[in-house]
Amino acid sequence: MSKDTGGAAFPCEQHEKQDGSWNETFDAGMTLRDYFAAKAMQASLPDPAYSTWDAARHARRAYSVADAMIAARGLE
């Protein structure tokens, strides 16, 4: 099952080389879903309420929050 990732968070379509020419590569970077999940995890890790959770549980919660944030974007 494919999740809506929200698209790229920090896409970079081309990079300037040192000689001034352009490299035509594309780097999509992380997805917006990954970015939201990282922010959610960053907020919960220092919270004592979550101190007994293992890493997998933190990750599941973070992606759950990220999915809710992506869904909320479509409600505006």
PDB file of N, CA and C in Angstrom:
ATOM      1  N   MET A   1       0.840  -1.177   0.000  1.00  0.00           N
ATOM      2  CA  MET A   1       0.000   0.000   0.000  1.00  0.00           C
ATOM      3  C   MET A   1       0.886   1.241   0.000  1.00  0.00           C
ATOM      4  N   SER A   2       0.598   2.160  -0.871  1.00  0.00           N
ATOM      5  CA  SER A   2       1.400   3.365  -0.995  1.00  0.00           C
ATOM      6  C   SER A   2       0.794   4.502  -0.168  1.00  0.00           C
ATOM      7  N   LYS A   3       1.609   5.171   0.579  1.00  0.00           N
ATOM      8  CA  LYS A   3       1.175   6.318   1.380  1.00  0.00           C
ATOM      9  C   LYS A   3       1.377   7.588   0.573  1.00  0.00           C
ATOM     10  N   ASP A   4       0.545   8.593   0.843  1.00  0.00           N
ATOM     11  CA  ASP A   4       0.770   9.911   0.278  1.00  0.00           C
ATOM     12  C   ASP A   4       1.954  10.508   1.023  1.00  0.00           C
ATOM     13  N   THR A   5       3.029  10.767   0.326  1.00  0.00           N
ATOM     14  CA  THR A   5       4.243  11.270   0.970  1.00  0.00           C
ATOM     15  C   THR A   5       4.279  12.782   1.055  1.00  0.00           C
ATOM     16  N   GLY A   6       3.348  13.455   0.390  1.00  0.00           N
ATOM     17  CA  GLY A   6       3.360  14.907   0.392  1.00  0.00           C
ATOM     18  C   GLY A   6       4.339  15.501  -0.598  1.00  0.00           C
ATOM     19  N   GLY A   7       5.046  14.660  -1.332  1.00  0.00           N
ATOM     20  CA  GLY A   7       6.035  15.149  -2.292  1.00  0.00           C
ATOM     21  C   GLY A   7       7.381  15.373  -1.626  1.00  0.00           C
ATOM     22  N   ALA A   8       8.278  15.960  -2.358  1.00  0.00           N
ATOM     23  CA  ALA A   8       9.634  16.199  -1.866  1.00  0.00           C
ATOM     24  C   ALA A   8       9.663  17.387  -0.915  1.00  0.00           C
ATOM     25  N   ALA A   9      10.420  17.256   0.159  1.00  0.00           N
ATOM     26  CA  ALA A   9      10.547  18.343   1.127  1.00  0.00           C
ATOM     27  C   ALA A   9      11.587  19.368   0.681  1.00  0.00           C
ATOM     28  N   PHE A  10      12.676  18.901   0.129  1.00  0.00           N
ATOM     29  CA  PHE A  10      13.764  19.791  -0.278  1.00  0.00           C
ATOM     30  C   PHE A  10      14.308  19.391  -1.646  1.00  0.00           C
ATOM     31  N   PRO A  11      13.503  19.480  -2.696  1.00  0.00           N
ATOM     32  CA  PRO A  11      13.989  19.061  -4.009  1.00  0.00           C
ATOM     33  C   PRO A  11      15.057  20.008  -4.547  1.00  0.00           C
ATOM     34  N   CYS A  12      15.928  19.446  -5.326  1.00  0.00           N
ATOM     35  CA  CYS A  12      16.969  20.240  -5.970  1.00  0.00           C
ATOM     36  C   CYS A  12      17.092  19.733  -7.397  1.00  0.00           C
ATOM     37  N   GLU A  13      16.675  20.544  -8.358  1.00  0.00           N
ATOM     38  CA  GLU A  13      16.628  20.093  -9.740  1.00  0.00           C
ATOM     39  C   GLU A  13      17.971  20.146 -10.454  1.00  0.00           C
ATOM     40  N   GLN A  14      18.798  21.081 -10.089  1.00  0.00           N
ATOM     41  CA  GLN A  14      20.108  21.126 -10.731  1.00  0.00           C
ATOM     42  C   GLN A  14      21.109  21.798  -9.798  1.00  0.00           C
ATOM     43  N   HIS A  15      22.347  21.462 -10.014  1.00  0.00           N
ATOM     44  CA  HIS A  15      23.412  21.989  -9.175  1.00  0.00           C
ATOM     45  C   HIS A  15      24.430  22.689 -10.063  1.00  0.00           C
ATOM     46  N   GLU A  16      24.882  23.848  -9.645  1.00  0.00           N
ATOM     47  CA  GLU A  16      25.907  24.548 -10.407  1.00  0.00           C
ATOM     48  C   GLU A  16      27.263  23.937 -10.094  1.00  0.00           C
ATOM     49  N   LYS A  17      28.005  23.628 -11.131  1.00  0.00           N
ATOM     50  CA  LYS A  17      29.354  23.097 -10.955  1.00  0.00           C
ATOM     51  C   LYS A  17      30.317  24.242 -10.689  1.00  0.00           C
ATOM     52  N   GLN A  18      31.496  23.912 -10.231  1.00  0.00           N
ATOM     53  CA  GLN A  18      32.495  24.943  -9.937  1.00  0.00           C
ATOM     54  C   GLN A  18      32.897  25.724 -11.180  1.00  0.00           C
ATOM     55  N   ASP A  19      32.799  25.095 -12.357  1.00  0.00           N
ATOM     56  CA  ASP A  19      33.190  25.800 -13.581  1.00  0.00           C
ATOM     57  C   ASP A  19      32.066  26.683 -14.130  1.00  0.00           C
ATOM     58  N   GLY A  20      30.944  26.768 -13.418  1.00  0.00           N
ATOM     59  CA  GLY A  20      29.837  27.620 -13.841  1.00  0.00           C
ATOM     60  C   GLY A  20      28.796  26.919 -14.689  1.00  0.00           C
ATOM     61  N   SER A  21      29.087  25.708 -15.154  1.00  0.00           N
ATOM     62  CA  SER A  21      28.098  24.971 -15.946  1.00  0.00           C
ATOM     63  C   SER A  21      27.089  24.312 -15.004  1.00  0.00           C
ATOM     64  N   TRP A  22      26.014  23.776 -15.584  1.00  0.00           N
ATOM     65  CA  TRP A  22      24.963  23.156 -14.772  1.00  0.00           C
ATOM     66  C   TRP A  22      24.965  21.653 -14.924  1.00  0.00           C
ATOM     67  N   ASN A  23      24.806  20.963 -13.813  1.00  0.00           N
ATOM     68  CA  ASN A  23      24.662  19.517 -13.794  1.00  0.00           C
ATOM     69  C   ASN A  23      23.164  19.242 -13.823  1.00  0.00           C
ATOM     70  N   GLU A  24      22.676  18.515 -14.796  1.00  0.00           N
ATOM     71  CA  GLU A  24      21.245  18.309 -14.987  1.00  0.00           C
ATOM     72  C   GLU A  24      20.662  17.169 -14.151  1.00  0.00           C
ATOM     73  N   THR A  25      21.238  16.871 -13.024  1.00  0.00           N
ATOM     74  CA  THR A  25      20.715  15.802 -12.181  1.00  0.00           C
ATOM     75  C   THR A  25      19.565  16.318 -11.328  1.00  0.00           C
ATOM     76  N   PHE A  26      18.769  15.409 -10.815  1.00  0.00           N
ATOM     77  CA  PHE A  26      17.650  15.755  -9.946  1.00  0.00           C
ATOM     78  C   PHE A  26      17.784  14.987  -8.641  1.00  0.00           C
ATOM     79  N   ASP A  27      17.675  15.681  -7.544  1.00  0.00           N
ATOM     80  CA  ASP A  27      17.703  15.054  -6.229  1.00  0.00           C
ATOM     81  C   ASP A  27      16.430  15.452  -5.505  1.00  0.00           C
ATOM     82  N   ALA A  28      15.542  14.500  -5.308  1.00  0.00           N
ATOM     83  CA  ALA A  28      14.249  14.801  -4.690  1.00  0.00           C
ATOM     84  C   ALA A  28      14.373  15.062  -3.192  1.00  0.00           C
ATOM     85  N   GLY A  29      15.468  14.666  -2.595  1.00  0.00           N
ATOM     86  CA  GLY A  29      15.609  14.851  -1.163  1.00  0.00           C
ATOM     87  C   GLY A  29      14.646  13.960  -0.401  1.00  0.00           C
ATOM     88  N   MET A  30      14.433  14.273   0.852  1.00  0.00           N
ATOM     89  CA  MET A  30      13.496  13.483   1.657  1.00  0.00           C
ATOM     90  C   MET A  30      12.062  13.886   1.313  1.00  0.00           C
ATOM     91  N   THR A  31      11.138  13.006   1.652  1.00  0.00           N
ATOM     92  CA  THR A  31       9.738  13.344   1.411  1.00  0.00           C
ATOM     93  C   THR A  31       9.240  14.257   2.527  1.00  0.00           C
ATOM     94  N   LEU A  32       8.164  14.962   2.247  1.00  0.00           N
ATOM     95  CA  LEU A  32       7.557  15.801   3.251  1.00  0.00           C
ATOM     96  C   LEU A  32       7.072  14.943   4.421  1.00  0.00           C
ATOM     97  N   ARG A  33       6.608  13.723   4.131  1.00  0.00           N
ATOM     98  CA  ARG A  33       6.175  12.801   5.184  1.00  0.00           C
ATOM     99  C   ARG A  33       7.339  12.475   6.124  1.00  0.00           C
ATOM    100  N   ASP A  34       8.521  12.197   5.555  1.00  0.00           N
ATOM    101  CA  ASP A  34       9.703  11.930   6.378  1.00  0.00           C
ATOM    102  C   ASP A  34      10.075  13.146   7.224  1.00  0.00           C
ATOM    103  N   TYR A  35       9.989  14.328   6.632  1.00  0.00           N
ATOM    104  CA  TYR A  35      10.318  15.560   7.349  1.00  0.00           C
ATOM    105  C   TYR A  35       9.359  15.771   8.516  1.00  0.00           C
ATOM    106  N   PHE A  36       8.052  15.608   8.263  1.00  0.00           N
ATOM    107  CA  PHE A  36       7.073  15.757   9.335  1.00  0.00           C
ATOM    108  C   PHE A  36       7.305  14.724  10.432  1.00  0.00           C
ATOM    109  N   ALA A  37       7.603  13.479  10.053  1.00  0.00           N
ATOM    110  CA  ALA A  37       7.844  12.430  11.038  1.00  0.00           C
ATOM    111  C   ALA A  37       9.068  12.755  11.891  1.00  0.00           C
ATOM    112  N   ALA A  38      10.111  13.272  11.272  1.00  0.00           N
ATOM    113  CA  ALA A  38      11.317  13.633  12.023  1.00  0.00           C
ATOM    114  C   ALA A  38      11.007  14.723  13.040  1.00  0.00           C
ATOM    115  N   LYS A  39      10.208  15.700  12.638  1.00  0.00           N
ATOM    116  CA  LYS A  39       9.832  16.771  13.558  1.00  0.00           C
ATOM    117  C   LYS A  39       8.976  16.243  14.701  1.00  0.00           C
ATOM    118  N   ALA A  40       8.058  15.332  14.392  1.00  0.00           N
ATOM    119  CA  ALA A  40       7.207  14.749  15.430  1.00  0.00           C
ATOM    120  C   ALA A  40       8.047  13.942  16.410  1.00  0.00           C
ATOM    121  N   MET A  41       8.999  13.187  15.908  1.00  0.00           N
ATOM    122  CA  MET A  41       9.852  12.386  16.780  1.00  0.00           C
ATOM    123  C   MET A  41      10.750  13.288  17.626  1.00  0.00           C
ATOM    124  N   GLN A  42      11.239  14.357  17.035  1.00  0.00           N
ATOM    125  CA  GLN A  42      12.089  15.297  17.762  1.00  0.00           C
ATOM    126  C   GLN A  42      11.325  15.902  18.947  1.00  0.00           C
ATOM    127  N   ALA A  43      10.039  16.112  18.779  1.00  0.00           N
ATOM    128  CA  ALA A  43       9.229  16.678  19.854  1.00  0.00           C
ATOM    129  C   ALA A  43       8.916  15.654  20.942  1.00  0.00           C
ATOM    130  N   SER A  44       8.749  14.392  20.575  1.00  0.00           N
ATOM    131  CA  SER A  44       8.335  13.396  21.571  1.00  0.00           C
ATOM    132  C   SER A  44       9.502  12.753  22.320  1.00  0.00           C
ATOM    133  N   LEU A  45      10.663  12.637  21.717  1.00  0.00           N
ATOM    134  CA  LEU A  45      11.776  11.942  22.374  1.00  0.00           C
ATOM    135  C   LEU A  45      12.154  12.529  23.741  1.00  0.00           C
ATOM    136  N   PRO A  46      12.228  13.843  23.896  1.00  0.00           N
ATOM    137  CA  PRO A  46      12.604  14.364  25.212  1.00  0.00           C
ATOM    138  C   PRO A  46      11.452  14.390  26.234  1.00  0.00           C
ATOM    139  N   ASP A  47      10.237  14.083  25.791  1.00  0.00           N
ATOM    140  CA  ASP A  47       9.065  14.128  26.675  1.00  0.00           C
ATOM    141  C   ASP A  47       9.065  12.917  27.606  1.00  0.00           C
ATOM    142  N   PRO A  48       9.069  13.139  28.928  1.00  0.00           N
ATOM    143  CA  PRO A  48       9.084  12.022  29.880  1.00  0.00           C
ATOM    144  C   PRO A  48       7.896  11.063  29.712  1.00  0.00           C
ATOM    145  N   ALA A  49       6.805  11.530  29.172  1.00  0.00           N
ATOM    146  CA  ALA A  49       5.634  10.673  28.969  1.00  0.00           C
ATOM    147  C   ALA A  49       5.930   9.527  28.010  1.00  0.00           C
ATOM    148  N   TYR A  50       6.937   9.693  27.162  1.00  0.00           N
ATOM    149  CA  TYR A  50       7.280   8.675  26.164  1.00  0.00           C
ATOM    150  C   TYR A  50       8.603   7.977  26.479  1.00  0.00           C
ATOM    151  N   SER A  51       9.134   8.156  27.671  1.00  0.00           N
ATOM    152  CA  SER A  51      10.479   7.664  27.991  1.00  0.00           C
ATOM    153  C   SER A  51      10.591   6.137  27.998  1.00  0.00           C
ATOM    154  N   THR A  52       9.493   5.431  28.158  1.00  0.00           N
ATOM    155  CA  THR A  52       9.565   3.970  28.190  1.00  0.00           C
ATOM    156  C   THR A  52       9.357   3.334  26.821  1.00  0.00           C
ATOM    157  N   TRP A  53       9.100   4.150  25.825  1.00  0.00           N
ATOM    158  CA  TRP A  53       8.844   3.618  24.483  1.00  0.00           C
ATOM    159  C   TRP A  53      10.139   3.178  23.811  1.00  0.00           C
ATOM    160  N   ASP A  54      10.058   2.094  23.027  1.00  0.00           N
ATOM    161  CA  ASP A  54      11.218   1.693  22.231  1.00  0.00           C
ATOM    162  C   ASP A  54      11.215   2.485  20.913  1.00  0.00           C
ATOM    163  N   ALA A  55      12.295   2.374  20.182  1.00  0.00           N
ATOM    164  CA  ALA A  55      12.463   3.160  18.954  1.00  0.00           C
ATOM    165  C   ALA A  55      11.362   2.885  17.925  1.00  0.00           C
ATOM    166  N   ALA A  56      10.967   1.630  17.788  1.00  0.00           N
ATOM    167  CA  ALA A  56       9.925   1.288  16.808  1.00  0.00           C
ATOM    168  C   ALA A  56       8.602   1.968  17.143  1.00  0.00           C
ATOM    169  N   ARG A  57       8.276   2.030  18.416  1.00  0.00           N
ATOM    170  CA  ARG A  57       7.025   2.684  18.804  1.00  0.00           C
ATOM    171  C   ARG A  57       7.099   4.185  18.539  1.00  0.00           C
ATOM    172  N   HIS A  58       8.243   4.790  18.828  1.00  0.00           N
ATOM    173  CA  HIS A  58       8.428   6.214  18.518  1.00  0.00           C
ATOM    174  C   HIS A  58       8.252   6.455  17.008  1.00  0.00           C
ATOM    175  N   ALA A  59       8.847   5.592  16.204  1.00  0.00           N
ATOM    176  CA  ALA A  59       8.764   5.754  14.747  1.00  0.00           C
ATOM    177  C   ALA A  59       7.324   5.609  14.261  1.00  0.00           C
ATOM    178  N   ARG A  60       6.603   4.608  14.759  1.00  0.00           N
ATOM    179  CA  ARG A  60       5.203   4.426  14.349  1.00  0.00           C
ATOM    180  C   ARG A  60       4.366   5.646  14.706  1.00  0.00           C
ATOM    181  N   ARG A  61       4.567   6.178  15.898  1.00  0.00           N
ATOM    182  CA  ARG A  61       3.820   7.363  16.317  1.00  0.00           C
ATOM    183  C   ARG A  61       4.192   8.560  15.449  1.00  0.00           C
ATOM    184  N   ALA A  62       5.471   8.723  15.183  1.00  0.00           N
ATOM    185  CA  ALA A  62       5.917   9.867  14.376  1.00  0.00           C
ATOM    186  C   ALA A  62       5.307   9.830  12.982  1.00  0.00           C
ATOM    187  N   TYR A  63       5.275   8.652  12.365  1.00  0.00           N
ATOM    188  CA  TYR A  63       4.675   8.566  11.029  1.00  0.00           C
ATOM    189  C   TYR A  63       3.164   8.710  11.080  1.00  0.00           C
ATOM    190  N   SER A  64       2.550   8.318  12.170  1.00  0.00           N
ATOM    191  CA  SER A  64       1.114   8.528  12.340  1.00  0.00           C
ATOM    192  C   SER A  64       0.806  10.032  12.397  1.00  0.00           C
ATOM    193  N   VAL A  65       1.617  10.769  13.127  1.00  0.00           N
ATOM    194  CA  VAL A  65       1.465  12.227  13.202  1.00  0.00           C
ATOM    195  C   VAL A  65       1.717  12.839  11.820  1.00  0.00           C
ATOM    196  N   ALA A  66       2.763  12.374  11.135  1.00  0.00           N
ATOM    197  CA  ALA A  66       3.071  12.895   9.797  1.00  0.00           C
ATOM    198  C   ALA A  66       1.917  12.647   8.836  1.00  0.00           C
ATOM    199  N   ASP A  67       1.326  11.460   8.879  1.00  0.00           N
ATOM    200  CA  ASP A  67       0.191  11.160   8.002  1.00  0.00           C
ATOM    201  C   ASP A  67      -0.987  12.070   8.298  1.00  0.00           C
ATOM    202  N   ALA A  68      -1.220  12.352   9.574  1.00  0.00           N
ATOM    203  CA  ALA A  68      -2.306  13.268   9.948  1.00  0.00           C
ATOM    204  C   ALA A  68      -2.030  14.679   9.450  1.00  0.00           C
ATOM    205  N   MET A  69      -0.778  15.097   9.500  1.00  0.00           N
ATOM    206  CA  MET A  69      -0.418  16.423   9.026  1.00  0.00           C
ATOM    207  C   MET A  69      -0.614  16.535   7.514  1.00  0.00           C
ATOM    208  N   ILE A  70      -0.243  15.486   6.783  1.00  0.00           N
ATOM    209  CA  ILE A  70      -0.434  15.497   5.332  1.00  0.00           C
ATOM    210  C   ILE A  70      -1.921  15.513   5.007  1.00  0.00           C
ATOM    211  N   ALA A  71      -2.709  14.723   5.719  1.00  0.00           N
ATOM    212  CA  ALA A  71      -4.151  14.704   5.490  1.00  0.00           C
ATOM    213  C   ALA A  71      -4.769  16.061   5.790  1.00  0.00           C
ATOM    214  N   ALA A  72      -4.308  16.716   6.840  1.00  0.00           N
ATOM    215  CA  ALA A  72      -4.840  18.029   7.206  1.00  0.00           C
ATOM    216  C   ALA A  72      -4.546  19.073   6.142  1.00  0.00           C
ATOM    217  N   ARG A  73      -3.447  18.914   5.431  1.00  0.00           N
ATOM    218  CA  ARG A  73      -3.120  19.875   4.360  1.00  0.00           C
ATOM    219  C   ARG A  73      -4.191  19.871   3.283  1.00  0.00           C
ATOM    220  N   GLY A  74      -4.820  18.722   3.058  1.00  0.00           N
ATOM    221  CA  GLY A  74      -5.857  18.607   2.038  1.00  0.00           C
ATOM    222  C   GLY A  74      -7.206  19.146   2.479  1.00  0.00           C
ATOM    223  N   LEU A  75      -7.328  19.498   3.741  1.00  0.00           N
ATOM    224  CA  LEU A  75      -8.591  19.980   4.284  1.00  0.00           C
ATOM    225  C   LEU A  75      -8.746  21.485   4.189  1.00  0.00           C
ATOM    226  N   GLU A  76      -7.690  22.177   3.848  1.00  0.00           N
ATOM    227  CA  GLU A  76      -7.757  23.641   3.786  1.00  0.00           C
ATOM    228  C   GLU A  76      -8.485  24.117   2.555  1.00  0.00           C
TER     229      GLU A  76
END
